[in-house]
Amino acid sequence: MQRFKDRVVIVTGAGSGIGEATAHRFSREGANVVLAGDTLAKLQHVARELPDERTLVKLTDVSSFSFVSGVAMPVDGGLMASNGQPDMG
């Protein structure tokens, strides 16, 4: 089932645990997945397990307000053009 085909999902804490499992599930459901977190090596490890064309790694501090502009805006300008419309609301 592809319930999230052509949707963009931002997963915080995607480098391990629940965040990693969530990223895998959304990807299996067809979503374009933004892996957000503060440990690049962990995010890259998860990204290698997901489709390159539908996965974006974003190193970020999710406790900071700049998270919104540092993650949400590249999704709009990057993945939207080739893989569908982001679902921000």
N, C-alpha and C. Protein backbone atom coordinates (compact mmCIF):
# COMPACT_ATOMS: atom_id res chain seq x y z
N MET A 1 0.84 -1.19 0.00
CA MET A 1 0.00 0.00 0.00
C MET A 1 0.88 1.25 0.00
N GLN A 2 0.57 2.22 -0.80
CA GLN A 2 1.36 3.44 -0.95
C GLN A 2 0.58 4.65 -0.45
N ARG A 3 0.17 4.64 0.81
CA ARG A 3 -0.68 5.70 1.36
C ARG A 3 -0.02 7.07 1.37
N PHE A 4 1.32 7.12 1.35
CA PHE A 4 2.01 8.40 1.44
C PHE A 4 2.78 8.74 0.17
N LYS A 5 2.42 8.12 -0.95
CA LYS A 5 3.06 8.42 -2.23
C LYS A 5 2.90 9.90 -2.55
N ASP A 6 4.00 10.53 -2.98
CA ASP A 6 4.03 11.95 -3.34
C ASP A 6 3.80 12.87 -2.14
N ARG A 7 4.04 12.37 -0.94
CA ARG A 7 3.98 13.19 0.28
C ARG A 7 5.39 13.31 0.84
N VAL A 8 5.64 14.39 1.58
CA VAL A 8 6.93 14.59 2.23
C VAL A 8 6.71 14.47 3.73
N VAL A 9 7.56 13.67 4.36
CA VAL A 9 7.49 13.47 5.80
C VAL A 9 8.84 13.84 6.40
N ILE A 10 8.83 14.69 7.41
CA ILE A 10 10.04 15.04 8.14
C ILE A 10 10.04 14.23 9.43
N VAL A 11 11.07 13.40 9.60
CA VAL A 11 11.17 12.56 10.79
C VAL A 11 12.33 13.06 11.64
N THR A 12 12.01 13.56 12.83
CA THR A 12 13.07 13.99 13.75
C THR A 12 13.54 12.79 14.55
N GLY A 13 14.79 12.82 14.96
CA GLY A 13 15.37 11.69 15.68
C GLY A 13 15.46 10.45 14.81
N ALA A 14 15.66 10.66 13.51
CA ALA A 14 15.61 9.57 12.54
C ALA A 14 16.84 8.67 12.55
N GLY A 15 17.84 9.01 13.34
CA GLY A 15 19.07 8.23 13.35
C GLY A 15 19.01 6.93 14.13
N SER A 16 17.98 6.76 14.95
CA SER A 16 17.89 5.53 15.75
C SER A 16 16.51 5.38 16.37
N GLY A 17 16.27 4.22 16.91
CA GLY A 17 15.06 3.96 17.69
C GLY A 17 13.76 4.18 16.95
N ILE A 18 12.83 4.85 17.65
CA ILE A 18 11.50 5.09 17.10
C ILE A 18 11.57 5.94 15.83
N GLY A 19 12.45 6.94 15.81
CA GLY A 19 12.59 7.78 14.62
C GLY A 19 13.05 6.99 13.41
N GLU A 20 14.01 6.11 13.61
CA GLU A 20 14.49 5.26 12.51
C GLU A 20 13.37 4.35 12.00
N ALA A 21 12.67 3.72 12.92
CA ALA A 21 11.57 2.83 12.53
C ALA A 21 10.48 3.60 11.81
N THR A 22 10.20 4.82 12.26
CA THR A 22 9.19 5.66 11.62
C THR A 22 9.61 6.01 10.20
N ALA A 23 10.88 6.37 10.02
CA ALA A 23 11.39 6.69 8.67
C ALA A 23 11.23 5.50 7.73
N HIS A 24 11.58 4.32 8.20
CA HIS A 24 11.44 3.12 7.37
C HIS A 24 9.98 2.88 7.00
N ARG A 25 9.09 3.04 7.95
CA ARG A 25 7.67 2.78 7.68
C ARG A 25 7.11 3.76 6.66
N PHE A 26 7.40 5.06 6.84
CA PHE A 26 6.90 6.04 5.88
C PHE A 26 7.48 5.78 4.49
N SER A 27 8.74 5.40 4.43
CA SER A 27 9.36 5.11 3.14
C SER A 27 8.68 3.92 2.47
N ARG A 28 8.40 2.87 3.22
CA ARG A 28 7.69 1.71 2.66
C ARG A 28 6.31 2.09 2.15
N GLU A 29 5.72 3.13 2.75
CA GLU A 29 4.40 3.60 2.36
C GLU A 29 4.47 4.61 1.21
N GLY A 30 5.68 4.84 0.66
CA GLY A 30 5.84 5.67 -0.53
C GLY A 30 6.22 7.12 -0.30
N ALA A 31 6.44 7.52 0.94
CA ALA A 31 6.75 8.92 1.25
C ALA A 31 8.17 9.30 0.85
N ASN A 32 8.33 10.58 0.55
CA ASN A 32 9.65 11.20 0.46
C ASN A 32 10.01 11.53 1.91
N VAL A 33 11.15 11.02 2.39
CA VAL A 33 11.47 11.12 3.80
C VAL A 33 12.67 12.02 4.04
N VAL A 34 12.49 13.01 4.91
CA VAL A 34 13.58 13.86 5.37
C VAL A 34 14.02 13.32 6.72
N LEU A 35 15.26 12.83 6.78
CA LEU A 35 15.82 12.31 8.02
C LEU A 35 16.48 13.47 8.75
N ALA A 36 15.91 13.89 9.87
CA ALA A 36 16.44 15.03 10.62
C ALA A 36 16.97 14.55 11.96
N GLY A 37 18.14 15.07 12.33
CA GLY A 37 18.72 14.71 13.62
C GLY A 37 20.05 15.39 13.81
N ASP A 38 20.71 15.08 14.92
CA ASP A 38 21.94 15.79 15.26
C ASP A 38 23.20 14.95 15.12
N THR A 39 23.09 13.71 14.62
CA THR A 39 24.27 12.86 14.45
C THR A 39 24.33 12.38 12.99
N LEU A 40 25.20 13.01 12.23
CA LEU A 40 25.26 12.75 10.79
C LEU A 40 25.52 11.28 10.46
N ALA A 41 26.43 10.64 11.15
CA ALA A 41 26.76 9.24 10.85
C ALA A 41 25.53 8.35 11.00
N LYS A 42 24.74 8.56 12.02
CA LYS A 42 23.53 7.76 12.23
C LYS A 42 22.50 8.01 11.13
N LEU A 43 22.32 9.28 10.77
CA LEU A 43 21.38 9.62 9.71
C LEU A 43 21.80 8.99 8.38
N GLN A 44 23.09 9.05 8.09
CA GLN A 44 23.60 8.48 6.84
C GLN A 44 23.43 6.96 6.82
N HIS A 45 23.59 6.32 7.96
CA HIS A 45 23.39 4.88 8.04
C HIS A 45 21.94 4.52 7.68
N VAL A 46 21.00 5.25 8.26
CA VAL A 46 19.58 5.02 7.95
C VAL A 46 19.31 5.32 6.48
N ALA A 47 19.86 6.41 5.98
CA ALA A 47 19.62 6.82 4.58
C ALA A 47 20.08 5.75 3.60
N ARG A 48 21.16 5.05 3.90
CA ARG A 48 21.66 4.00 3.00
C ARG A 48 20.66 2.85 2.86
N GLU A 49 19.75 2.72 3.82
CA GLU A 49 18.76 1.65 3.79
C GLU A 49 17.47 2.05 3.08
N LEU A 50 17.37 3.32 2.68
CA LEU A 50 16.16 3.85 2.05
C LEU A 50 16.46 4.25 0.60
N PRO A 51 15.43 4.38 -0.24
CA PRO A 51 15.65 4.77 -1.65
C PRO A 51 16.29 6.17 -1.76
N ASP A 52 17.40 6.25 -2.47
CA ASP A 52 18.12 7.52 -2.64
C ASP A 52 17.23 8.63 -3.18
N GLU A 53 16.41 8.29 -4.15
CA GLU A 53 15.60 9.31 -4.84
C GLU A 53 14.47 9.86 -3.97
N ARG A 54 14.22 9.25 -2.82
CA ARG A 54 13.13 9.72 -1.96
C ARG A 54 13.60 9.99 -0.53
N THR A 55 14.92 10.18 -0.35
CA THR A 55 15.46 10.37 0.99
C THR A 55 16.40 11.56 1.02
N LEU A 56 16.23 12.39 2.04
CA LEU A 56 17.08 13.56 2.24
C LEU A 56 17.55 13.56 3.69
N VAL A 57 18.85 13.76 3.89
CA VAL A 57 19.42 13.84 5.24
C VAL A 57 19.61 15.31 5.59
N LYS A 58 19.13 15.69 6.76
CA LYS A 58 19.28 17.08 7.21
C LYS A 58 19.78 17.07 8.65
N LEU A 59 21.05 17.44 8.81
CA LEU A 59 21.64 17.57 10.14
C LEU A 59 21.09 18.84 10.78
N THR A 60 20.45 18.70 11.93
CA THR A 60 19.80 19.85 12.54
C THR A 60 19.64 19.66 14.03
N ASP A 61 19.48 20.77 14.72
CA ASP A 61 19.19 20.77 16.16
C ASP A 61 17.69 21.02 16.30
N VAL A 62 16.94 19.97 16.57
CA VAL A 62 15.49 20.11 16.58
C VAL A 62 14.97 20.89 17.79
N SER A 63 15.84 21.22 18.74
CA SER A 63 15.41 22.03 19.88
C SER A 63 15.47 23.52 19.57
N SER A 64 15.96 23.85 18.37
CA SER A 64 16.13 25.24 17.97
C SER A 64 15.01 25.67 17.02
N PHE A 65 14.55 26.90 17.17
CA PHE A 65 13.50 27.43 16.29
C PHE A 65 13.96 27.45 14.84
N SER A 66 15.26 27.60 14.62
CA SER A 66 15.75 27.62 13.24
C SER A 66 15.54 26.29 12.53
N PHE A 67 15.14 25.26 13.27
CA PHE A 67 14.79 23.97 12.67
C PHE A 67 13.77 24.15 11.56
N VAL A 68 12.79 25.00 11.80
CA VAL A 68 11.73 25.20 10.81
C VAL A 68 12.30 25.72 9.50
N SER A 69 13.12 26.73 9.54
CA SER A 69 13.68 27.28 8.30
C SER A 69 14.80 26.41 7.75
N GLY A 70 15.49 25.66 8.62
CA GLY A 70 16.59 24.82 8.17
C GLY A 70 16.16 23.51 7.55
N VAL A 71 14.96 23.05 7.85
CA VAL A 71 14.49 21.78 7.33
C VAL A 71 13.31 21.96 6.38
N ALA A 72 12.31 22.71 6.77
CA ALA A 72 11.09 22.83 5.97
C ALA A 72 11.34 23.51 4.63
N MET A 73 12.15 24.54 4.59
CA MET A 73 12.36 25.26 3.34
C MET A 73 13.10 24.42 2.30
N PRO A 74 14.19 23.68 2.65
CA PRO A 74 14.81 22.85 1.62
C PRO A 74 13.87 21.77 1.08
N VAL A 75 12.96 21.29 1.88
CA VAL A 75 12.00 20.31 1.38
C VAL A 75 11.18 20.95 0.28
N ASP A 76 10.72 22.17 0.50
CA ASP A 76 9.91 22.88 -0.47
C ASP A 76 10.69 23.09 -1.77
N GLY A 77 11.94 23.50 -1.67
CA GLY A 77 12.72 23.79 -2.85
C GLY A 77 13.39 22.58 -3.47
N GLY A 78 13.58 21.50 -2.69
CA GLY A 78 14.33 20.37 -3.18
C GLY A 78 13.49 19.21 -3.64
N LEU A 79 12.77 18.59 -2.74
CA LEU A 79 12.03 17.40 -3.10
C LEU A 79 10.73 17.68 -3.83
N MET A 80 10.14 18.82 -3.60
CA MET A 80 8.83 19.08 -4.19
C MET A 80 8.86 19.03 -5.71
N ALA A 81 9.87 19.60 -6.31
CA ALA A 81 9.89 19.71 -7.77
C ALA A 81 9.88 18.36 -8.47
N SER A 82 10.62 17.38 -7.93
CA SER A 82 10.72 16.11 -8.63
C SER A 82 9.86 15.00 -8.06
N ASN A 83 9.35 15.16 -6.85
CA ASN A 83 8.66 14.03 -6.22
C ASN A 83 7.31 14.34 -5.61
N GLY A 84 6.67 15.41 -5.99
CA GLY A 84 5.33 15.68 -5.46
C GLY A 84 5.27 16.87 -4.55
N GLN A 85 4.11 17.11 -4.02
CA GLN A 85 3.86 18.28 -3.18
C GLN A 85 4.05 17.95 -1.71
N PRO A 86 4.76 18.80 -0.97
CA PRO A 86 4.88 18.55 0.46
C PRO A 86 3.54 18.77 1.16
N ASP A 87 3.28 17.95 2.16
CA ASP A 87 2.05 18.06 2.92
C ASP A 87 2.38 18.72 4.25
N MET A 88 2.29 20.03 4.30
CA MET A 88 2.70 20.79 5.47
C MET A 88 1.53 21.09 6.40
N GLY A 89 0.32 20.74 6.06
CA GLY A 89 -0.77 21.16 6.90
C GLY A 89 -1.78 20.19 7.19
